[in-house]
Amino acid sequence: MKRLIFIATLICLSLLSIKLLYSKNSSTYEFLYKENIVSIAHVEKFRKLEYGRILFKHKLHVDSMAKILNKTPESVCSECHQKNQYGEYSFDFIEDLHKKEAEEIKNLYHAKCLDCHKNLSAQRKKTGPEILSCRDCHKKENENRQVKYPLVEFDFYLHNKHVTKHKKDCSLCHHSYDLKEDRKELALFYEPGTEASCYYCHDFSKKRGPELTKIVNVAKQKGLNLEKSFHLLCINCHLESKNQDKDRGPIVCAECHTGKYRALEELKEVSRPEVNQPKRAFLSIEGAKMKGVSFRHDFHEMNNKNCRICHHETLRACKDCHDLKGKEEGGFVNIATAYHSLSSTISCQGCHGKLKEKVECMSCHYFIPPVKIQIAPTEICNKCHTGKRDFISTKIQNFKNVPQEVIIKHLEEDFEAVKMPHLRMIQKLNEISNRSNLANYFHGSNDTICRGCHHKSKEEAEAQREKPPLCISCHGSEFSSKDIGKPRLQSAYHGMCIKCHETLKLEKPKKCTDCHERKVKKNVYN
């Protein structure tokens, strides 16, 4: 017992410590964010930090230098940051930092910072530490603090704003490398119609195809990851606009890294980038044995935040990299897998599978396992592979011959029979379905809504249309150990009904009598 108490105490103390640490970080986060704090650690070079990271007060240094030099804050960048061959600030304190070793980086930081402090001190001006005392900068209280700014989401609204302001001059941002073999050094160039996302070349966390890998490797050699690329391009442009007394974009961390993101609804009326994309496409490939698929490109544009949701490598069509057998450009992934992989969020079926996880959809789809293409029934394939170029979506309007109320009394013993508002439930599910274009297309008929509950019945095998078998037809009143996968009738009702209610987050039912009243037992002795 003493040992158990000791272990429980240790656990409580650990949880309390974590809570206090989290609270401390949370309370100081607003201050760090407001002061434009920059975390200096370079763990990719130093690995384990001996004295912990430095929380560098960037705003304080900028404002101080501007006051000392009698300049605007925007014009003092050159005091710390070097310019490259194109006259642009690199925004690295240590030039070519990605090429240097840890010890050299440490020495350069110490030399450059202390030299500046000593020079200011010699001029009798207020400054930072002059003698190398580690804890003057590597403060103990900052060792466990993290300064991680929210990611910036460059959405269609901001893109459209830049396009309008710069009069559709796409060359200001978009470029690529010339991969001709006769060039000793790869050169940047711009070709109209080839504009693509920065992520394709500067996101080093993704595996790319052969052609794009060559460009990514050049970006790696230059140390141009996403963070540095965005800062190099965006901040330099914004600074130039500011120096020319023009309306400028953000140049301070907190102005870009706000943590606020536009919802899809806010982007509905924003124009999408024009790269000669079709409004509708017919997905087919030479030699395929399946019929082509009608694809509404414009609809998918308006229902996603960026093009990379589908175009993960380039903006080219899927069949340019994926064929029937799989080729090197597409990582030897064939076209069927590219479109149907359940484990991929960029395939059609994988993406649709994620959409079905919405609360309102899961009331039915919770009980419907994902369909693998290898064992998909014919009617599933036929729904997309129509061979028609027109896209047909049908809303279900009404239900005929559907009973308004169904009384469930097969298990009537301790409780009264359940009066289920059958028609009202179907109409609610139908209303949910009609709000989604995806559901409209794949549901298509009244029977699909019914199959949410009548999940094992096939319409073509039923004796009467719109009269599927009752639950008791398959689920017996007693559990059979020989048929483990089939629950008994009571479990089937409760599992289906309660899980649906929980998924839809309905307030009721929460107790037995919300569905069926308890029977009053008669006194047998009277």
Protein backbone atom coordinates (compact mmCIF):
# COMPACT_ATOMS: atom_id res chain seq x y z
CA MET A 1 0.00 0.00 0.00
CA LYS A 2 2.86 2.41 0.86
CA ARG A 3 4.46 1.65 -2.47
CA LEU A 4 1.19 2.38 -4.31
CA ILE A 5 0.78 5.68 -2.43
CA PHE A 6 4.36 6.64 -3.29
CA ILE A 7 3.83 5.89 -7.01
CA ALA A 8 0.52 7.79 -7.04
CA THR A 9 2.22 10.80 -5.40
CA LEU A 10 4.98 10.77 -8.01
CA ILE A 11 2.41 10.69 -10.83
CA CYS A 12 0.47 13.61 -9.30
CA LEU A 13 3.64 15.67 -8.85
CA SER A 14 4.68 14.95 -12.46
CA LEU A 15 1.29 16.02 -13.80
CA LEU A 16 1.39 19.17 -11.64
CA SER A 17 4.88 20.02 -12.95
CA ILE A 18 3.73 19.60 -16.55
CA LYS A 19 0.70 21.78 -15.87
CA LEU A 20 2.82 24.50 -14.25
CA LEU A 21 5.32 24.41 -17.12
CA TYR A 22 2.51 24.64 -19.65
CA SER A 23 0.90 27.52 -17.72
CA LYS A 24 4.23 29.33 -17.58
CA ASN A 25 4.72 28.94 -21.31
CA SER A 26 1.16 30.05 -22.00
CA SER A 27 1.44 33.14 -19.80
CA THR A 28 4.65 34.29 -21.46
CA TYR A 29 3.66 33.37 -25.02
CA GLU A 30 1.74 36.59 -25.61
CA PHE A 31 4.72 38.67 -24.46
CA LEU A 32 7.19 36.73 -26.63
CA TYR A 33 4.88 37.04 -29.60
CA LYS A 34 4.30 40.76 -29.09
CA GLU A 35 8.01 41.50 -28.71
CA ASN A 36 8.82 39.67 -31.97
CA ILE A 37 11.05 37.18 -30.16
CA VAL A 38 13.34 35.05 -32.32
CA SER A 39 14.48 31.69 -30.97
CA ILE A 40 18.19 31.04 -31.62
CA ALA A 41 19.09 27.38 -31.22
CA HIS A 42 20.04 25.76 -34.57
CA VAL A 43 19.44 22.29 -33.15
CA GLU A 44 19.96 20.85 -36.64
CA LYS A 45 23.63 21.77 -36.17
CA PHE A 46 24.17 21.63 -32.40
CA ARG A 47 21.91 18.64 -31.69
CA LYS A 48 21.94 18.74 -27.86
CA LEU A 49 22.15 22.29 -26.51
CA GLU A 50 24.62 22.84 -23.67
CA TYR A 51 23.09 26.08 -22.35
CA GLY A 52 19.68 26.09 -23.99
CA ARG A 53 18.23 28.41 -26.59
CA ILE A 54 18.43 32.21 -26.68
CA LEU A 55 15.21 34.21 -26.90
CA PHE A 56 16.44 37.14 -28.95
CA LYS A 57 14.39 40.34 -28.61
CA HIS A 58 14.34 41.33 -32.25
CA LYS A 59 11.99 44.31 -31.89
CA LEU A 60 14.06 45.75 -29.05
CA HIS A 61 17.25 45.57 -31.14
CA VAL A 62 15.61 47.07 -34.24
CA ASP A 63 14.09 49.96 -32.30
CA SER A 64 17.38 50.60 -30.45
CA MET A 65 19.46 50.65 -33.64
CA ALA A 66 16.95 52.91 -35.37
CA LYS A 67 17.17 55.37 -32.46
CA ILE A 68 20.99 55.26 -32.29
CA LEU A 69 21.44 55.70 -36.05
CA ASN A 70 18.50 58.08 -36.41
CA LYS A 71 16.92 55.88 -39.10
CA THR A 72 13.58 54.21 -39.65
CA PRO A 73 13.24 50.64 -38.31
CA GLU A 74 12.94 49.35 -41.89
CA SER A 75 16.32 50.77 -42.91
CA VAL A 76 18.54 49.22 -40.21
CA CYS A 77 18.43 45.62 -41.49
CA SER A 78 21.95 45.96 -42.95
CA GLU A 79 23.42 46.35 -39.45
CA CYS A 80 22.94 42.61 -38.90
CA HIS A 81 21.84 41.04 -42.18
CA GLN A 82 23.92 40.63 -45.34
CA LYS A 83 22.73 41.10 -48.89
CA ASN A 84 23.16 38.47 -51.58
CA GLN A 85 24.38 38.92 -55.15
CA TYR A 86 20.98 40.22 -56.18
CA GLY A 87 20.98 42.95 -53.53
CA GLU A 88 18.42 41.16 -51.37
CA TYR A 89 18.66 40.57 -47.63
CA SER A 90 19.16 36.90 -46.75
CA PHE A 91 17.83 37.46 -43.18
CA ASP A 92 20.44 35.05 -41.81
CA PHE A 93 22.63 36.53 -39.09
CA ILE A 94 25.39 34.14 -40.10
CA GLU A 95 26.05 34.10 -43.84
CA ASP A 96 25.74 30.66 -45.49
CA LEU A 97 24.82 29.19 -42.13
CA HIS A 98 23.69 25.89 -43.66
CA LYS A 99 27.25 25.25 -44.87
CA LYS A 100 28.96 25.84 -41.51
CA GLU A 101 29.70 23.54 -38.57
CA ALA A 102 28.37 24.07 -35.03
CA GLU A 103 31.61 25.38 -33.49
CA GLU A 104 32.09 27.96 -36.25
CA ILE A 105 28.51 29.13 -35.88
CA LYS A 106 28.94 29.56 -32.13
CA ASN A 107 32.15 31.58 -32.54
CA LEU A 108 30.63 33.84 -35.20
CA TYR A 109 27.59 34.60 -33.01
CA HIS A 110 29.80 35.44 -30.04
CA ALA A 111 32.17 37.60 -32.09
CA LYS A 112 29.53 39.56 -34.01
CA CYS A 113 27.24 40.19 -31.04
CA LEU A 114 29.99 41.15 -28.58
CA ASP A 115 31.79 43.39 -31.12
CA CYS A 116 28.60 45.37 -31.65
CA HIS A 117 28.00 45.68 -27.89
CA LYS A 118 31.62 46.79 -27.30
CA ASN A 119 31.43 49.44 -30.03
CA LEU A 120 28.24 50.88 -28.58
CA SER A 121 29.70 50.81 -25.08
CA ALA A 122 32.78 52.71 -26.30
CA GLN A 123 30.39 55.40 -27.56
CA ARG A 124 28.84 55.49 -24.05
CA LYS A 125 25.54 54.14 -25.34
CA LYS A 126 23.32 51.63 -23.59
CA THR A 127 23.90 48.12 -24.89
CA GLY A 128 23.87 44.41 -24.06
CA PRO A 129 26.53 42.09 -22.54
CA GLU A 130 30.16 42.92 -23.40
CA ILE A 131 31.95 40.07 -21.63
CA LEU A 132 31.30 36.47 -22.58
CA SER A 133 29.25 35.34 -19.60
CA CYS A 134 27.07 32.51 -20.87
CA ARG A 135 24.05 33.17 -18.64
CA ASP A 136 23.81 36.80 -19.77
CA CYS A 137 22.22 35.51 -22.97
CA HIS A 138 21.47 31.84 -22.31
CA LYS A 139 19.09 32.58 -19.45
CA LYS A 140 18.14 29.66 -17.24
CA GLU A 141 14.45 30.53 -17.18
CA ASN A 142 14.25 30.38 -20.97
CA GLU A 143 15.65 26.88 -21.42
CA ASN A 144 12.24 25.16 -21.50
CA ARG A 145 10.41 27.90 -23.34
CA GLN A 146 9.43 27.49 -26.95
CA VAL A 147 8.79 30.23 -29.46
CA LYS A 148 6.93 28.64 -32.31
CA TYR A 149 4.93 31.03 -34.44
CA PRO A 150 1.76 29.73 -36.12
CA LEU A 151 2.22 28.69 -39.73
CA VAL A 152 1.31 31.20 -42.42
CA GLU A 153 -1.44 30.05 -44.76
CA PHE A 154 -1.15 31.80 -48.10
CA ASP A 155 -4.71 31.45 -49.34
CA PHE A 156 -6.57 32.37 -52.53
CA TYR A 157 -7.60 35.73 -51.06
CA LEU A 158 -4.00 36.83 -50.52
CA HIS A 159 -2.97 35.43 -53.90
CA ASN A 160 -5.72 37.37 -55.66
CA LYS A 161 -4.73 40.51 -53.76
CA HIS A 162 -1.12 40.21 -54.96
CA VAL A 163 -2.19 39.45 -58.54
CA THR A 164 -4.37 42.57 -58.62
CA LYS A 165 -1.79 44.84 -57.00
CA HIS A 166 1.06 43.75 -59.25
CA LYS A 167 -1.08 43.78 -62.39
CA LYS A 168 -0.75 40.05 -63.05
CA ASP A 169 3.04 40.13 -63.20
CA CYS A 170 3.54 36.53 -62.03
CA SER A 171 7.32 36.66 -62.62
CA LEU A 172 7.75 38.64 -59.38
CA CYS A 173 7.11 35.47 -57.37
CA HIS A 174 7.09 32.43 -59.64
CA HIS A 175 10.27 30.93 -61.04
CA SER A 176 12.06 27.66 -61.61
CA TYR A 177 15.52 26.36 -62.50
CA ASP A 178 16.69 25.71 -66.03
CA LEU A 179 17.62 22.04 -66.05
CA LYS A 180 19.51 22.05 -69.36
CA GLU A 181 22.64 19.91 -69.11
CA ASP A 182 24.88 22.36 -71.00
CA ARG A 183 24.65 24.90 -68.16
CA LYS A 184 27.39 24.78 -65.52
CA GLU A 185 25.18 26.46 -62.96
CA LEU A 186 21.42 26.17 -62.86
CA ALA A 187 19.82 29.54 -63.49
CA LEU A 188 16.43 30.87 -62.43
CA PHE A 189 13.93 31.62 -65.15
CA TYR A 190 10.24 32.37 -65.54
CA GLU A 191 8.01 30.78 -68.15
CA PRO A 192 4.36 31.90 -68.42
CA GLY A 193 1.86 29.12 -67.80
CA THR A 194 4.17 27.10 -65.53
CA GLU A 195 3.36 28.90 -62.27
CA ALA A 196 3.22 26.50 -59.33
CA SER A 197 3.36 26.42 -55.54
CA CYS A 198 6.60 27.23 -53.67
CA TYR A 199 6.10 24.00 -51.72
CA TYR A 200 6.93 21.84 -54.73
CA CYS A 201 10.60 22.92 -54.76
CA HIS A 202 11.23 24.21 -51.23
CA ASP A 203 9.44 21.72 -48.97
CA PHE A 204 12.26 19.31 -48.13
CA SER A 205 10.03 17.03 -46.05
CA LYS A 206 8.33 15.52 -49.13
CA LYS A 207 9.65 12.88 -51.48
CA ARG A 208 9.59 14.09 -55.09
CA GLY A 209 9.79 12.53 -58.54
CA PRO A 210 13.03 12.44 -60.60
CA GLU A 211 12.61 15.79 -62.39
CA LEU A 212 11.51 17.77 -59.36
CA THR A 213 14.14 16.12 -57.17
CA LYS A 214 16.87 17.78 -59.25
CA ILE A 215 15.40 21.20 -58.49
CA VAL A 216 14.85 20.36 -54.81
CA ASN A 217 18.51 19.31 -54.52
CA VAL A 218 19.60 22.71 -55.87
CA ALA A 219 17.37 24.42 -53.31
CA LYS A 220 18.92 22.26 -50.56
CA GLN A 221 22.45 23.20 -51.64
CA LYS A 222 21.50 26.86 -51.39
CA GLY A 223 19.78 26.32 -48.03
CA LEU A 224 16.50 27.59 -49.44
CA ASN A 225 13.95 25.74 -47.36
CA LEU A 226 10.37 27.00 -47.12
CA GLU A 227 11.02 29.37 -44.22
CA LYS A 228 14.04 31.02 -45.79
CA SER A 229 12.47 31.14 -49.27
CA PHE A 230 9.34 32.88 -48.06
CA HIS A 231 11.27 35.38 -45.95
CA LEU A 232 13.74 36.08 -48.76
CA LEU A 233 11.05 36.70 -51.34
CA CYS A 234 8.23 38.27 -49.33
CA ILE A 235 10.04 40.48 -46.81
CA ASN A 236 12.47 41.91 -49.38
CA CYS A 237 9.56 42.85 -51.62
CA HIS A 238 7.67 44.38 -48.70
CA LEU A 239 10.76 46.33 -47.59
CA GLU A 240 11.27 47.68 -51.10
CA SER A 241 7.66 48.84 -51.23
CA LYS A 242 8.05 50.54 -47.85
CA ASN A 243 11.24 52.33 -48.91
CA GLN A 244 9.40 53.61 -51.99
CA ASP A 245 6.57 54.95 -49.81
CA LYS A 246 4.12 52.42 -51.24
CA ASP A 247 1.59 50.32 -49.40
CA ARG A 248 3.63 47.47 -48.01
CA GLY A 249 2.95 44.00 -46.75
CA PRO A 250 4.05 42.70 -43.31
CA ILE A 251 7.73 42.81 -42.31
CA VAL A 252 7.34 41.76 -38.65
CA CYS A 253 6.76 38.16 -37.53
CA ALA A 254 3.49 38.84 -35.71
CA GLU A 255 1.97 40.58 -38.74
CA CYS A 256 2.18 37.40 -40.85
CA HIS A 257 2.14 34.64 -38.25
CA THR A 258 -1.23 35.57 -36.77
CA GLY A 259 -2.63 32.07 -36.30
CA LYS A 260 -5.85 33.24 -37.97
CA TYR A 261 -7.00 31.36 -41.06
CA ARG A 262 -9.84 32.00 -43.46
CA ALA A 263 -12.56 29.40 -43.59
CA LEU A 264 -13.54 27.90 -46.92
CA GLU A 265 -16.80 29.85 -46.86
CA GLU A 266 -14.86 33.14 -46.75
CA LEU A 267 -13.01 32.15 -49.93
CA LYS A 268 -16.09 31.17 -51.95
CA GLU A 269 -16.25 34.44 -53.90
CA VAL A 270 -12.49 34.82 -54.42
CA SER A 271 -11.13 34.26 -57.92
CA ARG A 272 -8.89 31.23 -58.35
CA PRO A 273 -5.54 31.42 -60.16
CA GLU A 274 -5.88 31.04 -63.91
CA VAL A 275 -3.49 28.49 -65.43
CA ASN A 276 -5.67 27.37 -68.35
CA GLN A 277 -7.34 24.73 -66.18
CA PRO A 278 -10.61 23.23 -67.52
CA LYS A 279 -13.90 23.80 -65.74
CA ARG A 280 -14.76 20.18 -66.37
CA ALA A 281 -12.48 17.30 -67.25
CA PHE A 282 -13.02 13.80 -68.53
CA LEU A 283 -10.63 11.46 -66.74
CA SER A 284 -9.54 8.71 -69.08
CA ILE A 285 -6.30 7.04 -70.07
CA GLU A 286 -5.32 5.28 -73.25
CA GLY A 287 -5.68 1.51 -73.04
CA ALA A 288 -7.83 1.56 -69.91
CA LYS A 289 -10.51 -1.12 -69.62
CA MET A 290 -12.79 1.00 -67.42
CA LYS A 291 -15.01 3.78 -68.73
CA GLY A 292 -13.94 7.41 -68.24
CA VAL A 293 -15.02 9.56 -65.29
CA SER A 294 -16.63 12.99 -65.46
CA PHE A 295 -14.78 15.36 -63.12
CA ARG A 296 -15.93 18.84 -62.06
CA HIS A 297 -12.64 20.69 -61.71
CA ASP A 298 -14.28 24.05 -60.96
CA PHE A 299 -16.34 22.55 -58.12
CA HIS A 300 -13.25 21.02 -56.50
CA GLU A 301 -11.39 24.34 -56.86
CA MET A 302 -14.09 26.14 -54.90
CA ASN A 303 -14.17 23.51 -52.17
CA ASN A 304 -10.46 23.31 -51.35
CA LYS A 305 -8.04 25.87 -49.92
CA ASN A 306 -5.24 25.20 -52.39
CA CYS A 307 -4.36 23.21 -55.51
CA ARG A 308 -1.87 21.01 -53.65
CA ILE A 309 -4.77 19.09 -52.13
CA CYS A 310 -4.81 17.08 -55.38
CA HIS A 311 -1.76 18.23 -57.37
CA HIS A 312 0.90 17.00 -54.98
CA GLU A 313 3.87 17.08 -57.37
CA THR A 314 3.09 19.62 -60.09
CA LEU A 315 -0.03 21.16 -61.60
CA ARG A 316 0.00 18.68 -64.47
CA ALA A 317 -2.70 16.03 -64.98
CA CYS A 318 -2.42 12.82 -62.96
CA LYS A 319 -1.94 10.68 -66.07
CA ASP A 320 1.24 12.60 -66.97
CA CYS A 321 3.01 10.82 -64.10
CA HIS A 322 0.80 7.76 -63.51
CA ASP A 323 -0.09 5.21 -66.17
CA LEU A 324 -1.75 1.79 -66.11
CA LYS A 325 1.38 -0.02 -64.91
CA GLY A 326 3.20 2.71 -62.98
CA LYS A 327 6.28 4.61 -64.15
CA GLU A 328 9.29 6.26 -62.58
CA GLU A 329 7.89 9.81 -62.77
CA GLY A 330 5.01 8.74 -60.55
CA GLY A 331 7.06 6.67 -58.11
CA PHE A 332 5.80 3.50 -59.87
CA VAL A 333 2.29 4.13 -58.52
CA ASN A 334 -0.23 3.10 -61.17
CA ILE A 335 -3.23 5.23 -62.11
CA ALA A 336 -5.75 2.99 -60.31
CA THR A 337 -3.89 3.35 -57.01
CA ALA A 338 -3.39 7.09 -57.55
CA TYR A 339 -7.15 7.58 -57.80
CA HIS A 340 -8.40 4.93 -55.36
CA SER A 341 -5.88 4.52 -52.50
CA LEU A 342 -7.72 4.58 -49.18
CA SER A 343 -4.56 5.43 -47.26
CA SER A 344 -3.80 8.54 -49.32
CA THR A 345 -5.44 11.91 -48.65
CA ILE A 346 -4.68 13.07 -52.21
CA SER A 347 -6.50 10.25 -54.00
CA CYS A 348 -10.17 10.62 -54.92
CA GLN A 349 -11.35 7.77 -52.73
CA GLY A 350 -9.01 8.68 -49.87
CA CYS A 351 -10.22 12.28 -49.84
CA HIS A 352 -13.89 11.30 -50.07
CA GLY A 353 -13.32 8.84 -47.23
CA LYS A 354 -12.11 11.71 -45.04
CA LEU A 355 -15.15 13.80 -45.96
CA LYS A 356 -17.41 10.98 -44.81
CA GLU A 357 -15.92 11.36 -41.33
CA LYS A 358 -17.92 14.55 -40.81
CA VAL A 359 -20.29 14.30 -37.86
CA GLU A 360 -23.47 14.40 -39.95
CA CYS A 361 -22.18 11.71 -42.34
CA MET A 362 -20.84 9.34 -39.70
CA SER A 363 -24.32 8.63 -38.35
CA CYS A 364 -24.60 6.15 -41.23
CA HIS A 365 -21.02 5.74 -42.47
CA TYR A 366 -19.84 4.65 -39.03
CA PHE A 367 -21.42 1.29 -39.84
CA ILE A 368 -20.25 1.17 -43.47
CA PRO A 369 -16.64 0.01 -43.89
CA PRO A 370 -14.49 1.67 -46.60
CA VAL A 371 -14.69 -0.13 -49.91
CA LYS A 372 -11.40 -1.40 -51.32
CA ILE A 373 -11.19 -1.19 -55.10
CA GLN A 374 -10.07 -4.83 -55.40
CA ILE A 375 -13.32 -6.10 -53.87
CA ALA A 376 -15.68 -3.25 -54.75
CA PRO A 377 -19.14 -4.35 -55.89
CA THR A 378 -20.11 -3.47 -59.45
CA GLU A 379 -22.54 -0.71 -58.51
CA ILE A 380 -19.76 1.18 -56.70
CA CYS A 381 -17.54 1.31 -59.81
CA ASN A 382 -20.44 2.17 -62.10
CA LYS A 383 -21.25 5.27 -60.08
CA CYS A 384 -18.10 7.09 -61.25
CA HIS A 385 -17.09 5.15 -64.35
CA THR A 386 -20.11 6.16 -66.43
CA GLY A 387 -18.24 6.97 -69.64
CA LYS A 388 -20.34 10.15 -69.84
CA ARG A 389 -18.89 13.65 -69.88
CA ASP A 390 -21.90 15.21 -68.15
CA PHE A 391 -22.05 15.31 -64.37
CA ILE A 392 -25.45 14.40 -62.95
CA SER A 393 -26.36 15.16 -59.35
CA THR A 394 -29.80 14.33 -57.99
CA LYS A 395 -31.44 15.62 -54.84
CA ILE A 396 -33.90 13.32 -53.13
CA GLN A 397 -37.14 15.24 -52.72
CA ASN A 398 -39.76 12.98 -51.15
CA PHE A 399 -40.45 9.51 -49.81
CA LYS A 400 -43.51 7.56 -50.88
CA ASN A 401 -44.87 4.45 -49.25
CA VAL A 402 -42.71 5.02 -46.16
CA PRO A 403 -44.46 4.35 -42.84
CA GLN A 404 -44.67 7.41 -40.64
CA GLU A 405 -44.17 5.43 -37.43
CA VAL A 406 -42.69 2.02 -36.70
CA ILE A 407 -43.47 0.16 -33.49
CA ILE A 408 -40.67 -2.09 -32.22
CA LYS A 409 -42.05 -4.67 -29.81
CA HIS A 410 -39.98 -7.79 -30.45
CA LEU A 411 -38.18 -7.39 -27.12
CA GLU A 412 -41.17 -6.15 -25.15
CA GLU A 413 -40.78 -7.52 -21.65
CA ASP A 414 -39.61 -5.10 -18.98
CA PHE A 415 -40.29 -2.07 -21.17
CA GLU A 416 -43.13 -0.89 -23.36
CA ALA A 417 -42.80 -1.06 -27.15
CA VAL A 418 -40.74 1.65 -28.85
CA LYS A 419 -42.60 4.06 -31.11
CA MET A 420 -39.96 5.12 -33.61
CA PRO A 421 -40.70 8.31 -35.68
CA HIS A 422 -39.59 6.50 -38.83
CA LEU A 423 -40.50 9.08 -41.49
CA ARG A 424 -39.19 12.05 -39.48
CA MET A 425 -35.84 10.31 -39.03
CA ILE A 426 -35.54 9.55 -42.75
CA GLN A 427 -36.44 13.13 -43.67
CA LYS A 428 -33.73 14.44 -41.32
CA LEU A 429 -31.09 12.17 -42.86
CA ASN A 430 -32.33 13.19 -46.30
CA GLU A 431 -31.99 16.87 -45.37
CA ILE A 432 -28.38 16.28 -44.29
CA SER A 433 -27.68 14.42 -47.53
CA ASN A 434 -29.15 17.14 -49.74
CA ARG A 435 -26.81 19.76 -48.25
CA SER A 436 -23.79 18.00 -49.78
CA ASN A 437 -23.10 17.77 -53.52
CA LEU A 438 -20.91 14.75 -52.83
CA ALA A 439 -23.79 13.01 -51.05
CA ASN A 440 -26.26 14.04 -53.76
CA TYR A 441 -24.17 12.32 -56.39
CA PHE A 442 -23.34 9.12 -54.53
CA HIS A 443 -26.66 8.65 -52.74
CA GLY A 444 -28.86 9.37 -55.74
CA SER A 445 -32.05 7.63 -54.58
CA ASN A 446 -34.34 7.15 -51.61
CA ASP A 447 -33.06 3.63 -51.10
CA THR A 448 -29.54 4.82 -50.27
CA ILE A 449 -30.82 6.70 -47.22
CA CYS A 450 -32.68 3.58 -46.11
CA ARG A 451 -29.51 1.48 -46.37
CA GLY A 452 -27.99 3.46 -43.53
CA CYS A 453 -30.05 1.32 -41.13
CA HIS A 454 -31.04 -1.59 -43.36
CA HIS A 455 -27.38 -2.17 -44.00
CA LYS A 456 -27.25 -5.81 -45.12
CA SER A 457 -30.21 -5.92 -47.47
CA LYS A 458 -29.94 -5.74 -51.27
CA GLU A 459 -32.73 -4.03 -53.17
CA GLU A 460 -32.53 -6.43 -56.13
CA ALA A 461 -33.03 -9.41 -53.79
CA GLU A 462 -36.06 -7.97 -51.95
CA ALA A 463 -39.54 -9.33 -52.69
CA GLN A 464 -41.20 -5.91 -52.43
CA ARG A 465 -39.70 -2.56 -53.36
CA GLU A 466 -39.24 -0.10 -50.45
CA LYS A 467 -39.96 -2.87 -47.94
CA PRO A 468 -36.60 -4.17 -46.71
CA PRO A 469 -36.50 -7.05 -44.18
CA LEU A 470 -36.89 -6.32 -40.48
CA CYS A 471 -33.91 -6.39 -38.10
CA ILE A 472 -35.22 -9.58 -36.49
CA SER A 473 -34.94 -11.31 -39.87
CA CYS A 474 -31.15 -11.41 -39.38
CA HIS A 475 -30.58 -10.81 -35.67
CA GLY A 476 -31.90 -13.45 -33.28
CA SER A 477 -33.07 -12.70 -29.76
CA GLU A 478 -30.20 -14.75 -28.33
CA PHE A 479 -26.47 -14.48 -29.07
CA SER A 480 -24.89 -17.35 -30.99
CA SER A 481 -21.25 -18.21 -30.29
CA LYS A 482 -21.08 -19.76 -33.75
CA ASP A 483 -21.79 -16.40 -35.38
CA ILE A 484 -19.58 -13.97 -33.46
CA GLY A 485 -19.86 -11.20 -36.02
CA LYS A 486 -23.63 -10.94 -35.67
CA PRO A 487 -24.94 -9.26 -32.47
CA ARG A 488 -28.19 -10.37 -30.86
CA LEU A 489 -31.30 -8.31 -31.60
CA GLN A 490 -31.15 -6.07 -28.51
CA SER A 491 -27.47 -5.26 -29.13
CA ALA A 492 -28.18 -4.58 -32.80
CA TYR A 493 -30.90 -2.05 -31.95
CA HIS A 494 -28.90 -0.33 -29.23
CA GLY A 495 -25.65 -0.38 -31.19
CA MET A 496 -27.23 1.12 -34.28
CA CYS A 497 -29.58 3.65 -32.67
CA ILE A 498 -27.45 4.88 -29.77
CA LYS A 499 -24.29 5.17 -31.88
CA CYS A 500 -26.16 7.19 -34.49
CA HIS A 501 -27.53 9.53 -31.82
CA GLU A 502 -24.08 9.94 -30.25
CA THR A 503 -22.48 10.73 -33.61
CA LEU A 504 -25.11 13.35 -34.42
CA LYS A 505 -24.63 14.72 -30.87
CA LEU A 506 -28.34 14.54 -30.06
CA GLU A 507 -29.38 15.44 -26.53
CA LYS A 508 -31.67 12.43 -26.31
CA PRO A 509 -31.85 9.59 -25.59
CA LYS A 510 -29.62 9.44 -22.53
CA LYS A 511 -31.56 6.86 -20.55
CA CYS A 512 -33.75 3.84 -21.26
CA THR A 513 -37.08 5.58 -20.67
CA ASP A 514 -36.29 8.23 -23.31
CA CYS A 515 -37.17 5.55 -25.90
CA HIS A 516 -39.42 3.06 -24.10
CA GLU A 517 -41.40 3.42 -20.88
CA ARG A 518 -40.78 0.89 -18.14
CA LYS A 519 -43.66 -1.54 -17.68
CA VAL A 520 -45.57 -1.56 -14.44
CA LYS A 521 -45.60 -5.16 -13.25
CA LYS A 522 -48.88 -6.45 -11.89
CA ASN A 523 -49.11 -8.03 -8.47
CA VAL A 524 -49.77 -11.71 -9.22
CA TYR A 525 -51.21 -12.29 -5.70
CA ASN A 526 -54.11 -9.89 -6.17
